[in-house]
Amino acid sequence: MRPCLPGLAGSGIAAALIAMSVAVPAVADEGTAADTPSAFTIEDARVKESSGLAASRAHPGIYWTHNDSGDGAYVFAVDSRTGRTVARVTLEGIDPRDVEAISLGPDGNLYLGDTGDNLGGTWPEVWIYRFAEPKELKGEITVTPTRYTVRYDDGPRDAESLMVHPKTGRVYIVSKKKSGKGALYEAPETLSASGVNTFRRVADINTWATDAAFSPDGTRLVVRSYFEAREYLWKDGRPVKELGRPTVPLQRQGESVTFTLDGRYLMYGSEGARSRVTPVKLTGELLPDSAPEGDKGAGRSGGGGDQAASGDDGGGGHDRDRDLAVGAGLIAVVTALIVALRRLLRGKKTG
């Protein structure tokens, strides 16, 4: 918020003070590890409603995304180092209705969830499309996906979250809470391309879910909404315990989440042109079981660890607190200078 400076509107000093008060200097991240992910902006103008996110295993540093309803049968491979699209995949022979999520299975296939229902859960059937992750990423690629018809055992649902377990290959969907509770639905052990696949409700997920993802080792499930995330311990095919709520960055319309390949960070995405993908570091119990034991004791049990990266730089919570402290101190100094200048000008007018 800019300070009000009556009587100094034309002053160069006032302009400088205003600039200082709103431009808090960024604090450099000290000792950042080489494998720490950076935030990036999706530069492709065709990606206006990024609604799902999946980290590629075949192409480290690449994230798969897609638009929401109305775009067509396209999936984009985005290089996190530059934010640029390195390949666009066209799914031949389908006419998607409301694509909301993407996940990578242990079989090397991408699963695209055409599961959204903006009418509040009235479509009797929705679909999942499966296709092999391309071995080479270059320009325009066309694939013919396998299509699976999906129904829910308790009736139609609006759902924006699709996850494939990285060890078992089983597919799950989380419905979006609008009235009552959202829920986790489990696919049959093997999907059928010729019949209807009935997903069975197996657990309550009490949040307005916009996306969800499994950790690479399959021991954690994170479910995000617009303003919060919940992380669960996953065991024997079920979320057995809520471990905590990882930090969620402030975004225009938070729509997606995925783990990095090492499981140490969550990558959060948003809708909108040139949307930002932001990393959040996990510590304590929120780290997957495959993370080294030395990191398990960090942070508060059941909390968000060091609460990293609520901004775009992927830095930790201590850096954020330090930034806020520097900013608060700077604003206090600026305010004191403004008061002093006002008094000085009043003295000149009355002298």
Protein backbone atom coordinates (compact mmCIF):
# COMPACT_ATOMS: atom_id res chain seq x y z
CA MET A 1 0.00 0.00 0.00
CA ARG A 2 1.47 3.34 -1.03
CA PRO A 3 1.73 6.05 1.66
CA CYS A 4 -0.28 9.22 1.15
CA LEU A 5 1.99 12.26 0.72
CA PRO A 6 -0.09 15.45 0.52
CA GLY A 7 1.98 18.44 -0.47
CA LEU A 8 4.78 16.26 -1.85
CA ALA A 9 3.13 14.92 -5.01
CA GLY A 10 5.54 16.73 -7.31
CA SER A 11 8.61 16.04 -5.25
CA GLY A 12 11.35 13.74 -6.55
CA ILE A 13 12.08 12.84 -2.93
CA ALA A 14 8.48 11.68 -2.49
CA ALA A 15 8.68 9.52 -5.59
CA ALA A 16 11.87 7.93 -4.35
CA LEU A 17 10.34 7.24 -0.95
CA ILE A 18 7.27 5.67 -2.49
CA ALA A 19 9.40 3.44 -4.66
CA MET A 20 11.43 2.39 -1.63
CA SER A 21 8.34 1.60 0.40
CA VAL A 22 6.87 -0.78 -2.16
CA ALA A 23 10.03 -2.32 -3.58
CA VAL A 24 11.38 -4.47 -0.78
CA PRO A 25 14.70 -5.90 -1.96
CA ALA A 26 14.85 -9.66 -2.49
CA VAL A 27 17.20 -11.55 -0.22
CA ALA A 28 19.50 -13.94 -2.07
CA ASP A 29 19.07 -17.62 -1.32
CA GLU A 30 22.23 -18.73 0.43
CA GLY A 31 23.66 -22.19 -0.24
CA THR A 32 20.94 -23.35 -2.60
CA ALA A 33 21.44 -26.96 -3.62
CA ALA A 34 22.07 -27.70 -7.27
CA ASP A 35 18.96 -29.88 -7.48
CA THR A 36 16.64 -27.36 -5.87
CA PRO A 37 13.83 -26.65 -8.36
CA SER A 38 13.14 -23.11 -9.47
CA ALA A 39 9.83 -21.44 -10.10
CA PHE A 40 9.04 -20.95 -13.77
CA THR A 41 6.47 -19.24 -15.96
CA ILE A 42 4.60 -21.14 -18.68
CA GLU A 43 5.44 -18.93 -21.66
CA ASP A 44 3.27 -20.60 -24.32
CA ALA A 45 0.37 -18.26 -25.17
CA ARG A 46 -1.74 -21.32 -26.06
CA VAL A 47 -1.70 -22.44 -22.42
CA LYS A 48 -4.25 -20.11 -20.87
CA GLU A 49 -5.93 -22.45 -18.40
CA SER A 50 -3.26 -24.82 -17.12
CA SER A 51 -5.30 -27.28 -15.10
CA GLY A 52 -3.02 -30.26 -14.46
CA LEU A 53 0.67 -30.88 -13.88
CA ALA A 54 2.87 -33.99 -14.01
CA ALA A 55 6.65 -34.30 -13.75
CA SER A 56 8.20 -36.35 -16.55
CA ARG A 57 10.45 -39.25 -15.57
CA ALA A 58 11.72 -39.90 -19.09
CA HIS A 59 12.66 -36.23 -19.52
CA PRO A 60 13.80 -34.72 -16.19
CA GLY A 61 12.97 -31.03 -15.95
CA ILE A 62 9.93 -31.38 -18.21
CA TYR A 63 6.42 -30.87 -16.85
CA TRP A 64 3.29 -31.98 -18.66
CA THR A 65 0.26 -29.69 -18.60
CA HIS A 66 -2.97 -29.07 -20.49
CA ASN A 67 -5.77 -26.55 -20.70
CA ASP A 68 -9.17 -26.75 -19.06
CA SER A 69 -12.36 -27.28 -21.06
CA GLY A 70 -12.73 -25.79 -24.51
CA ASP A 71 -9.16 -26.10 -25.80
CA GLY A 72 -9.11 -29.41 -27.62
CA ALA A 73 -7.18 -32.65 -27.32
CA TYR A 74 -3.74 -31.20 -26.55
CA VAL A 75 -1.07 -31.84 -23.94
CA PHE A 76 2.00 -29.62 -23.60
CA ALA A 77 5.55 -30.55 -22.55
CA VAL A 78 7.06 -27.52 -20.80
CA ASP A 79 10.75 -27.12 -20.02
CA SER A 80 11.03 -25.84 -16.44
CA ARG A 81 14.41 -24.22 -17.20
CA THR A 82 12.95 -21.84 -19.77
CA GLY A 83 9.17 -22.09 -19.38
CA ARG A 84 8.90 -22.84 -23.08
CA THR A 85 6.91 -25.61 -24.73
CA VAL A 86 9.22 -28.20 -26.30
CA ALA A 87 6.44 -30.38 -27.71
CA ARG A 88 2.67 -30.39 -28.09
CA VAL A 89 0.89 -33.74 -28.19
CA THR A 90 -2.40 -34.03 -30.06
CA LEU A 91 -4.69 -36.86 -28.98
CA GLU A 92 -6.26 -38.16 -32.17
CA GLY A 93 -9.85 -39.40 -32.33
CA ILE A 94 -11.23 -37.83 -29.17
CA ASP A 95 -13.30 -34.73 -28.44
CA PRO A 96 -12.65 -33.88 -24.79
CA ARG A 97 -15.34 -32.19 -22.73
CA ASP A 98 -13.64 -30.92 -19.56
CA VAL A 99 -10.04 -32.08 -19.09
CA GLU A 100 -8.90 -31.42 -15.53
CA ALA A 101 -5.92 -33.59 -14.54
CA ILE A 102 -2.89 -35.50 -15.75
CA SER A 103 -0.78 -38.18 -14.08
CA LEU A 104 2.13 -40.42 -15.04
CA GLY A 105 1.85 -44.15 -14.34
CA PRO A 106 4.60 -46.68 -13.58
CA ASP A 107 4.03 -48.15 -17.05
CA GLY A 108 5.43 -44.99 -18.65
CA ASN A 109 1.98 -43.89 -19.81
CA LEU A 110 0.33 -40.53 -19.24
CA TYR A 111 -3.26 -40.58 -18.02
CA LEU A 112 -5.44 -37.59 -18.87
CA GLY A 113 -8.63 -37.09 -16.86
CA ASP A 114 -11.64 -35.77 -18.78
CA THR A 115 -13.51 -35.78 -15.47
CA GLY A 116 -14.67 -32.21 -14.89
CA ASP A 117 -18.34 -31.33 -14.68
CA ASN A 118 -19.08 -27.63 -14.40
CA LEU A 119 -22.78 -28.45 -14.09
CA GLY A 120 -22.14 -29.77 -10.59
CA GLY A 121 -22.04 -33.48 -11.27
CA THR A 122 -24.68 -34.36 -13.84
CA TRP A 123 -22.74 -36.23 -16.54
CA PRO A 124 -23.48 -39.96 -16.21
CA GLU A 125 -20.08 -40.84 -17.67
CA VAL A 126 -16.63 -39.27 -17.84
CA TRP A 127 -13.42 -40.49 -19.49
CA ILE A 128 -9.73 -41.17 -18.99
CA TYR A 129 -7.29 -41.18 -21.91
CA ARG A 130 -4.03 -43.12 -21.75
CA PHE A 131 -1.03 -42.78 -24.06
CA ALA A 132 2.69 -43.51 -23.88
CA GLU A 133 4.95 -40.67 -22.87
CA PRO A 134 6.84 -39.74 -26.06
CA LYS A 135 10.48 -40.84 -26.15
CA GLU A 136 11.46 -37.71 -28.06
CA LEU A 137 10.05 -34.25 -27.49
CA LYS A 138 10.12 -32.12 -30.59
CA GLY A 139 7.45 -29.89 -32.12
CA GLU A 140 4.08 -31.43 -32.90
CA ILE A 141 3.36 -35.04 -31.94
CA THR A 142 0.18 -37.01 -32.66
CA VAL A 143 -0.87 -40.08 -30.68
CA THR A 144 -3.94 -42.31 -30.60
CA PRO A 145 -4.90 -42.78 -26.94
CA THR A 146 -6.78 -45.59 -25.26
CA ARG A 147 -10.10 -44.32 -23.94
CA TYR A 148 -11.70 -45.57 -20.71
CA THR A 149 -15.29 -44.85 -19.73
CA VAL A 150 -15.76 -44.03 -16.04
CA ARG A 151 -18.74 -44.04 -13.71
CA TYR A 152 -18.92 -43.62 -9.93
CA ASP A 153 -20.61 -46.15 -7.68
CA ASP A 154 -22.63 -43.41 -5.93
CA GLY A 155 -23.62 -41.34 -8.96
CA PRO A 156 -22.13 -38.52 -11.07
CA ARG A 157 -19.49 -36.26 -9.56
CA ASP A 158 -17.47 -33.21 -10.53
CA ALA A 159 -13.79 -34.14 -10.20
CA GLU A 160 -10.58 -32.29 -11.05
CA SER A 161 -8.05 -34.71 -9.52
CA LEU A 162 -6.70 -37.88 -11.14
CA MET A 163 -3.77 -39.86 -9.71
CA VAL A 164 -2.03 -43.06 -10.80
CA HIS A 165 -0.18 -44.85 -8.00
CA PRO A 166 3.52 -45.04 -8.96
CA LYS A 167 3.95 -48.61 -7.68
CA THR A 168 0.66 -50.42 -8.24
CA GLY A 169 -0.51 -48.50 -11.31
CA ARG A 170 -4.00 -48.24 -9.85
CA VAL A 171 -5.98 -45.14 -10.83
CA TYR A 172 -7.75 -42.88 -8.32
CA ILE A 173 -9.98 -39.82 -8.59
CA VAL A 174 -10.82 -37.22 -5.94
CA SER A 175 -14.17 -35.50 -6.36
CA LYS A 176 -14.49 -31.77 -5.82
CA LYS A 177 -16.36 -30.85 -2.65
CA LYS A 178 -19.37 -28.63 -3.31
CA SER A 179 -21.93 -29.94 -0.90
CA GLY A 180 -21.23 -32.55 1.72
CA LYS A 181 -17.78 -34.13 1.54
CA GLY A 182 -15.42 -34.74 -1.32
CA ALA A 183 -14.26 -38.31 -1.72
CA LEU A 184 -11.50 -40.57 -2.97
CA TYR A 185 -12.58 -43.08 -5.63
CA GLU A 186 -10.68 -46.21 -6.59
CA ALA A 187 -10.64 -47.74 -10.07
CA PRO A 188 -10.92 -51.45 -10.73
CA GLU A 189 -7.54 -53.14 -10.47
CA THR A 190 -7.34 -53.23 -14.28
CA LEU A 191 -9.05 -50.67 -16.48
CA SER A 192 -11.20 -51.94 -19.34
CA ALA A 193 -11.22 -50.16 -22.68
CA SER A 194 -14.33 -52.02 -23.85
CA GLY A 195 -16.67 -51.72 -20.86
CA VAL A 196 -17.56 -49.25 -18.12
CA ASN A 197 -15.10 -48.80 -15.27
CA THR A 198 -16.95 -48.19 -12.00
CA PHE A 199 -14.90 -46.23 -9.48
CA ARG A 200 -15.67 -47.11 -5.87
CA ARG A 201 -15.78 -44.57 -3.05
CA VAL A 202 -13.15 -45.59 -0.47
CA ALA A 203 -12.46 -42.51 1.70
CA ASP A 204 -13.64 -39.00 2.48
CA ILE A 205 -11.43 -36.10 1.37
CA ASN A 206 -12.93 -33.06 3.00
CA THR A 207 -11.59 -30.26 0.84
CA TRP A 208 -12.45 -28.39 -2.38
CA ALA A 209 -10.01 -30.51 -4.39
CA THR A 210 -8.59 -29.00 -7.58
CA ASP A 211 -5.76 -31.53 -8.02
CA ALA A 212 -3.91 -34.34 -6.25
CA ALA A 213 -0.70 -36.33 -6.66
CA PHE A 214 1.20 -39.29 -5.24
CA SER A 215 4.81 -38.99 -4.15
CA PRO A 216 7.24 -40.89 -6.42
CA ASP A 217 7.59 -43.70 -3.87
CA GLY A 218 3.82 -43.94 -3.35
CA THR A 219 3.90 -43.30 0.42
CA ARG A 220 2.30 -39.85 0.37
CA LEU A 221 -0.82 -38.39 -1.22
CA VAL A 222 -1.25 -34.64 -1.46
CA VAL A 223 -4.60 -33.05 -2.31
CA ARG A 224 -4.76 -29.32 -3.03
CA SER A 225 -7.56 -26.79 -3.23
CA TYR A 226 -7.41 -23.12 -4.19
CA PHE A 227 -5.95 -22.02 -0.86
CA GLU A 228 -4.81 -25.11 1.04
CA ALA A 229 -3.29 -28.56 0.68
CA ARG A 230 -3.54 -31.72 2.77
CA GLU A 231 -0.99 -34.49 2.81
CA TYR A 232 -1.79 -38.07 3.79
CA LEU A 233 0.21 -41.14 4.68
CA TRP A 234 -0.66 -43.76 2.07
CA LYS A 235 -0.60 -47.42 3.05
CA ASP A 236 -2.27 -50.56 1.72
CA GLY A 237 -4.17 -48.62 -0.91
CA ARG A 238 -5.69 -46.05 1.46
CA PRO A 239 -4.92 -42.67 3.03
CA VAL A 240 -4.51 -43.81 6.64
CA LYS A 241 -3.56 -40.54 8.35
CA GLU A 242 -3.49 -36.82 7.60
CA LEU A 243 0.12 -35.77 8.23
CA GLY A 244 -0.21 -32.03 7.81
CA ARG A 245 -0.94 -29.16 5.48
CA PRO A 246 1.89 -28.07 3.21
CA THR A 247 2.18 -24.41 2.36
CA VAL A 248 0.24 -23.32 -0.73
CA PRO A 249 1.53 -20.24 -2.58
CA LEU A 250 -0.81 -17.38 -3.35
CA GLN A 251 -1.91 -17.89 -6.97
CA ARG A 252 -4.49 -16.46 -9.33
CA GLN A 253 -6.44 -19.71 -9.47
CA GLY A 254 -4.62 -22.66 -7.97
CA GLU A 255 -5.43 -25.67 -10.13
CA SER A 256 -2.57 -28.17 -10.10
CA VAL A 257 0.08 -29.90 -8.02
CA THR A 258 2.74 -32.57 -8.53
CA PHE A 259 5.82 -33.85 -6.71
CA THR A 260 9.31 -33.34 -8.06
CA LEU A 261 11.07 -36.55 -9.08
CA ASP A 262 12.95 -36.80 -5.77
CA GLY A 263 9.77 -36.22 -3.75
CA ARG A 264 11.29 -33.34 -1.79
CA TYR A 265 9.21 -30.54 -3.29
CA LEU A 266 5.67 -29.89 -4.42
CA MET A 267 5.21 -27.93 -7.64
CA TYR A 268 2.05 -25.83 -7.64
CA GLY A 269 0.46 -24.50 -10.85
CA SER A 270 -2.26 -22.00 -11.66
CA GLU A 271 -4.61 -21.03 -14.45
CA GLY A 272 -4.16 -17.85 -16.45
CA ALA A 273 -1.92 -16.59 -19.24
CA ARG A 274 1.79 -16.89 -18.37
CA SER A 275 0.92 -18.70 -15.19
CA ARG A 276 3.57 -19.40 -12.59
CA VAL A 277 4.63 -22.83 -11.32
CA THR A 278 6.01 -22.53 -7.79
CA PRO A 279 8.00 -25.02 -5.69
CA VAL A 280 7.41 -25.68 -2.00
CA LYS A 281 9.95 -27.65 0.01
CA LEU A 282 8.77 -30.50 2.23
CA THR A 283 10.30 -31.45 5.57
CA GLY A 284 9.48 -33.61 8.57
CA GLU A 285 6.69 -36.15 8.18
CA LEU A 286 5.62 -34.56 4.92
CA LEU A 287 8.69 -35.99 3.21
CA PRO A 288 8.07 -39.35 1.51
CA ASP A 289 9.54 -42.46 3.13
CA SER A 290 12.22 -42.67 0.45
CA ALA A 291 13.76 -39.36 1.58
CA PRO A 292 16.91 -39.72 3.75
CA GLU A 293 16.17 -40.12 7.44
CA GLY A 294 18.22 -37.04 8.31
CA ASP A 295 15.48 -34.81 6.94
CA LYS A 296 12.65 -36.44 8.87
CA GLY A 297 13.23 -34.55 12.09
CA ALA A 298 13.21 -31.11 10.50
CA GLY A 299 10.21 -28.89 11.02
CA ARG A 300 7.25 -29.52 13.28
CA SER A 301 5.60 -32.90 13.22
CA GLY A 302 2.44 -32.79 11.15
CA GLY A 303 3.13 -29.24 9.99
CA GLY A 304 4.42 -27.81 6.77
CA GLY A 305 8.10 -28.34 7.50
CA ASP A 306 9.99 -25.13 6.83
CA GLN A 307 6.96 -23.76 4.97
CA ALA A 308 9.03 -23.06 1.88
CA ALA A 309 8.30 -20.92 -1.13
CA SER A 310 5.13 -19.00 -0.65
CA GLY A 311 6.57 -16.71 -3.30
CA ASP A 312 8.09 -17.51 -6.68
CA ASP A 313 11.71 -18.15 -5.75
CA GLY A 314 11.32 -21.50 -4.07
CA GLY A 315 13.17 -20.30 -0.98
CA GLY A 316 12.50 -21.55 2.55
CA GLY A 317 10.30 -20.15 5.26
CA HIS A 318 13.29 -18.62 7.09
CA ASP A 319 14.14 -16.65 3.94
CA ARG A 320 10.54 -15.49 3.71
CA ASP A 321 10.54 -14.35 7.34
CA ARG A 322 13.84 -12.57 6.76
CA ASP A 323 12.39 -10.82 3.70
CA LEU A 324 9.37 -9.70 5.71
CA ALA A 325 11.59 -8.40 8.51
CA VAL A 326 13.74 -6.43 6.06
CA GLY A 327 10.63 -5.04 4.38
CA ALA A 328 9.03 -4.03 7.67
CA GLY A 329 12.20 -2.27 8.79
CA LEU A 330 12.52 -0.43 5.48
CA ILE A 331 8.92 0.74 5.58
CA ALA A 332 9.41 1.99 9.16
CA VAL A 333 12.43 4.03 8.05
CA VAL A 334 10.52 5.40 5.05
CA THR A 335 7.58 6.38 7.27
CA ALA A 336 9.88 8.23 9.66
CA LEU A 337 11.44 10.14 6.75
CA ILE A 338 8.00 11.08 5.42
CA VAL A 339 6.92 12.42 8.81
CA ALA A 340 10.15 14.41 9.10
CA LEU A 341 9.69 15.91 5.62
CA ARG A 342 6.09 16.89 6.37
CA ARG A 343 7.15 18.66 9.55
CA LEU A 344 9.95 20.42 7.67
CA LEU A 345 7.56 21.67 4.98
CA ARG A 346 5.01 22.84 7.55
CA GLY A 347 7.77 24.76 9.32
CA LYS A 348 8.75 26.51 6.09
CA LYS A 349 5.13 27.48 5.40
CA THR A 350 4.59 28.97 8.86
CA GLY A 351 8.04 30.63 9.10
